[in-house]
C-alpha atoms as a PDB file:
ATOM      1  CA  MET A   1     -32.042  -0.657 -10.891  1.00  0.00           C
ATOM      2  CA  ALA A   2     -30.054  -0.361  -7.679  1.00  0.00           C
ATOM      3  CA  ARG A   3     -27.413   2.306  -7.191  1.00  0.00           C
ATOM      4  CA  HIS A   4     -24.688  -0.355  -7.304  1.00  0.00           C
ATOM      5  CA  ASP A   5     -25.809  -1.550 -10.745  1.00  0.00           C
ATOM      6  CA  VAL A   6     -23.195  -0.862 -13.392  1.00  0.00           C
ATOM      7  CA  LEU A   7     -23.714   0.917 -16.713  1.00  0.00           C
ATOM      8  CA  ASN A   8     -20.149   0.941 -18.050  1.00  0.00           C
ATOM      9  CA  ILE A   9     -16.733  -0.520 -17.233  1.00  0.00           C
ATOM     10  CA  GLU A  10     -13.357   0.582 -18.555  1.00  0.00           C
ATOM     11  CA  VAL A  11     -10.358  -1.636 -17.836  1.00  0.00           C
ATOM     12  CA  ASP A  12      -6.966  -0.081 -18.487  1.00  0.00           C
ATOM     13  CA  ARG A  13      -4.720  -3.075 -17.885  1.00  0.00           C
ATOM     14  CA  THR A  14      -1.751  -0.967 -16.746  1.00  0.00           C
ATOM     15  CA  SER A  15      -3.460   1.824 -14.842  1.00  0.00           C
ATOM     16  CA  HIS A  16      -7.007   1.518 -13.518  1.00  0.00           C
ATOM     17  CA  VAL A  17     -10.534   0.158 -13.638  1.00  0.00           C
ATOM     18  CA  GLU A  18     -13.232   2.782 -14.057  1.00  0.00           C
ATOM     19  CA  ILE A  19     -16.871   2.003 -13.316  1.00  0.00           C
ATOM     20  CA  GLU A  20     -19.968   4.054 -14.067  1.00  0.00           C
ATOM     21  CA  PHE A  21     -22.779   3.138 -11.699  1.00  0.00           C
ATOM     22  CA  GLU A  22     -26.465   3.368 -12.590  1.00  0.00           C
ATOM     23  CA  ASP A  23     -26.967   6.502 -10.497  1.00  0.00           C
ATOM     24  CA  GLY A  24     -24.300   8.380 -12.485  1.00  0.00           C
ATOM     25  CA  VAL A  25     -21.388   7.990 -10.070  1.00  0.00           C
ATOM     26  CA  ILE A  26     -18.136   7.257 -11.907  1.00  0.00           C
ATOM     27  CA  THR A  27     -15.274   5.816  -9.864  1.00  0.00           C
ATOM     28  CA  ARG A  28     -11.686   5.076 -10.807  1.00  0.00           C
ATOM     29  CA  PHE A  29      -9.888   2.271  -8.968  1.00  0.00           C
ATOM     30  CA  GLU A  30      -6.099   2.375  -9.287  1.00  0.00           C
ATOM     31  CA  LEU A  31      -4.617  -1.098  -9.772  1.00  0.00           C
ATOM     32  CA  ALA A  32      -2.350  -1.425  -6.722  1.00  0.00           C
ATOM     33  CA  PRO A  33      -5.065  -0.695  -4.126  1.00  0.00           C
ATOM     34  CA  LEU A  34      -7.490  -2.873  -6.086  1.00  0.00           C
ATOM     35  CA  ARG A  35      -5.027  -5.791  -6.069  1.00  0.00           C
ATOM     36  CA  LEU A  36      -4.371  -5.330  -2.335  1.00  0.00           C
ATOM     37  CA  ALA A  37      -8.133  -5.373  -1.699  1.00  0.00           C
ATOM     38  CA  CYS A  38      -8.625  -8.755  -3.407  1.00  0.00           C
ATOM     39  CA  PRO A  39     -11.643 -10.379  -1.748  1.00  0.00           C
ATOM     40  CA  CYS A  40     -10.690 -14.025  -2.330  1.00  0.00           C
ATOM     41  CA  ALA A  41     -10.293 -16.575   0.476  1.00  0.00           C
ATOM     42  CA  GLU A  42      -6.508 -16.772   0.044  1.00  0.00           C
ATOM     43  CA  CYS A  43      -6.038 -13.013   0.336  1.00  0.00           C
ATOM     44  CA  ASN A  44      -8.487 -12.788   3.248  1.00  0.00           C
ATOM     45  CA  SER A  45      -6.519 -15.506   5.026  1.00  0.00           C
ATOM     46  CA  ARG A  46      -3.257 -13.609   4.465  1.00  0.00           C
ATOM     47  CA  ARG A  47      -4.796 -10.413   5.860  1.00  0.00           C
ATOM     48  CA  GLN A  48      -6.060 -12.265   8.955  1.00  0.00           C
ATOM     49  CA  LYS A  49      -2.514 -13.553   9.565  1.00  0.00           C
ATOM     50  CA  ASP A  50      -1.137 -10.039   8.982  1.00  0.00           C
ATOM     51  CA  GLU A  51       0.774 -11.331   5.936  1.00  0.00           C
ATOM     52  CA  PRO A  52       1.101  -9.317   2.730  1.00  0.00           C
ATOM     53  CA  VAL A  53      -1.485 -10.017   0.048  1.00  0.00           C
ATOM     54  CA  SER A  54       1.118  -9.225  -2.609  1.00  0.00           C
ATOM     55  CA  LYS A  55       4.537  -8.398  -1.236  1.00  0.00           C
ATOM     56  CA  SER A  56       5.766  -6.907  -4.509  1.00  0.00           C
ATOM     57  CA  VAL A  57       2.744  -4.583  -4.801  1.00  0.00           C
ATOM     58  CA  MET A  58       3.032  -3.538  -1.155  1.00  0.00           C
ATOM     59  CA  GLU A  59       6.677  -2.649  -1.836  1.00  0.00           C
ATOM     60  CA  GLY A  60       5.633  -0.481  -4.789  1.00  0.00           C
ATOM     61  CA  GLY A  61       6.334  -2.993  -7.546  1.00  0.00           C
ATOM     62  CA  PRO A  62       4.417  -2.905 -10.822  1.00  0.00           C
ATOM     63  CA  ILE A  63       1.074  -4.648 -11.236  1.00  0.00           C
ATOM     64  CA  SER A  64      -1.154  -5.021 -14.269  1.00  0.00           C
ATOM     65  CA  ILE A  65      -4.296  -6.867 -15.290  1.00  0.00           C
ATOM     66  CA  THR A  66      -3.707  -9.776 -17.654  1.00  0.00           C
ATOM     67  CA  ASP A  67      -7.394 -10.655 -18.096  1.00  0.00           C
ATOM     68  CA  ALA A  68     -10.763  -9.280 -17.015  1.00  0.00           C
ATOM     69  CA  GLU A  69     -14.242 -10.701 -17.392  1.00  0.00           C
ATOM     70  CA  LEU A  70     -17.680 -10.262 -15.915  1.00  0.00           C
ATOM     71  CA  ALA A  71     -18.700 -12.610 -13.129  1.00  0.00           C
ATOM     72  CA  GLY A  72     -22.361 -12.857 -13.992  1.00  0.00           C
ATOM     73  CA  ASN A  73     -24.262  -9.660 -13.213  1.00  0.00           C
ATOM     74  CA  TRP A  74     -22.686  -9.140  -9.828  1.00  0.00           C
ATOM     75  CA  GLY A  75     -18.979  -8.489 -10.255  1.00  0.00           C
ATOM     76  CA  LEU A  76     -15.684  -8.408 -12.099  1.00  0.00           C
ATOM     77  CA  SER A  77     -13.102 -11.199 -12.188  1.00  0.00           C
ATOM     78  CA  LEU A  78      -9.509 -10.025 -12.619  1.00  0.00           C
ATOM     79  CA  ASP A  79      -6.322 -11.932 -13.388  1.00  0.00           C
ATOM     80  CA  TRP A  80      -3.178 -10.157 -12.236  1.00  0.00           C
ATOM     81  CA  SER A  81       0.386 -10.028 -13.537  1.00  0.00           C
ATOM     82  CA  ASP A  82       1.639 -11.422 -10.208  1.00  0.00           C
ATOM     83  CA  GLY A  83      -0.138 -14.692 -11.060  1.00  0.00           C
ATOM     84  CA  HIS A  84      -3.166 -14.172  -8.825  1.00  0.00           C
ATOM     85  CA  SER A  85      -6.556 -14.870 -10.399  1.00  0.00           C
ATOM     86  CA  THR A  86      -9.124 -16.003  -7.836  1.00  0.00           C
ATOM     87  CA  GLY A  87     -10.700 -12.738  -6.686  1.00  0.00           C
ATOM     88  CA  ILE A  88     -14.095 -11.547  -7.859  1.00  0.00           C
ATOM     89  CA  TYR A  89     -14.861  -7.919  -7.092  1.00  0.00           C
ATOM     90  CA  ALA A  90     -18.592  -7.541  -6.389  1.00  0.00           C
ATOM     91  CA  TRP A  91     -20.271  -4.355  -7.612  1.00  0.00           C
ATOM     92  CA  THR A  92     -21.848  -3.842  -4.180  1.00  0.00           C
ATOM     93  CA  VAL A  93     -18.436  -3.961  -2.484  1.00  0.00           C
ATOM     94  CA  LEU A  94     -16.832  -1.608  -5.013  1.00  0.00           C
ATOM     95  CA  ARG A  95     -19.687   0.860  -4.586  1.00  0.00           C
ATOM     96  CA  GLN A  96     -19.481   0.591  -0.807  1.00  0.00           C
ATOM     97  CA  TRP A  97     -15.749   1.316  -1.003  1.00  0.00           C
ATOM     98  CA  THR A  98     -16.521   4.391  -3.114  1.00  0.00           C
ATOM     99  CA  ASP A  99     -19.166   5.659  -0.695  1.00  0.00           C
ATOM    100  CA  GLU A 100     -16.993   5.037   2.367  1.00  0.00           C
ATOM    101  CA  ARG A 101     -14.159   6.985   0.803  1.00  0.00           C
ATOM    102  CA  GLU A 102     -16.474   9.930   0.256  1.00  0.00           C
ATOM    103  CA  ASP A 103     -17.450   9.845   3.940  1.00  0.00           C
ATOM    104  CA  ASP A 104     -13.822   9.646   5.095  1.00  0.00           C
ATOM    105  CA  ASN A 105     -12.070  12.962   5.655  1.00  0.00           C
ATOM    106  CA  ASP A 106      -8.679  11.559   6.697  1.00  0.00           C
ATOM    107  CA  PRO A 107      -6.842   9.558   3.996  1.00  0.00           C
ATOM    108  CA  ALA A 108      -4.752   7.856   6.700  1.00  0.00           C
ATOM    109  CA  ASP A 109      -7.950   6.245   8.022  1.00  0.00           C
ATOM    110  CA  ARG A 110      -8.893   4.586   4.695  1.00  0.00           C
ATOM    111  CA  LYS A 111      -8.793   0.844   5.032  1.00  0.00           C
ATOM    112  CA  VAL A 112      -9.886  -2.229   3.136  1.00  0.00           C
ATOM    113  CA  PHE A 113     -10.178  -5.383   5.189  1.00  0.00           C
ATOM    114  CA  GLY A 114      -8.523  -3.488   8.043  1.00  0.00           C
ATOM    115  CA  LYS A 115      -5.418  -2.513   6.046  1.00  0.00           C
ATOM    116  CA  PRO A 116      -4.642   1.059   4.940  1.00  0.00           C
ATOM    117  CA  VAL A 117      -5.018   1.630   1.193  1.00  0.00           C
ATOM    118  CA  ASP A 118      -5.557   4.502  -1.185  1.00  0.00           C
ATOM    119  CA  GLY A 119      -9.238   4.631  -1.966  1.00  0.00           C
ATOM    120  CA  PRO A 120     -10.993   4.930  -5.280  1.00  0.00           C
ATOM    121  CA  ILE A 121     -11.303   8.305  -6.938  1.00  0.00           C
ATOM    122  CA  ARG A 122     -14.878   9.426  -7.421  1.00  0.00           C
ATOM    123  CA  ARG A 123     -15.223  11.544 -10.515  1.00  0.00           C
ATOM    124  CA  ALA A 124     -17.674  14.392 -10.749  1.00  0.00           C
ATOM    125  CA  ASP A 125     -18.654  14.920 -14.384  1.00  0.00           C
END
């Protein structure tokens, strides 16, 4: 198994997604930063044009997950309460985000796709 392989996933539709990786690392992804980091083509295009991925979320509005399912063995597909449903979050990308956050001492420097976001919380159990 690779260190980005996943052992367990917890989806709290109103709060977070928590992932336990094969090497024992457990990471909690809060919903707003996860929504803003959507990897789909539409959201990537918006980021390249310096447009908001989700204006309501960027303004602090509520966001929740309406549906979640595995995308094969390589990621998680999430449907959002703002109507967005095309992003698939790859395990490798989520793990990379976790590792980069650990290496980053200044929270102001945390970025996803070049935009500042709160990073995932790595739990130490």
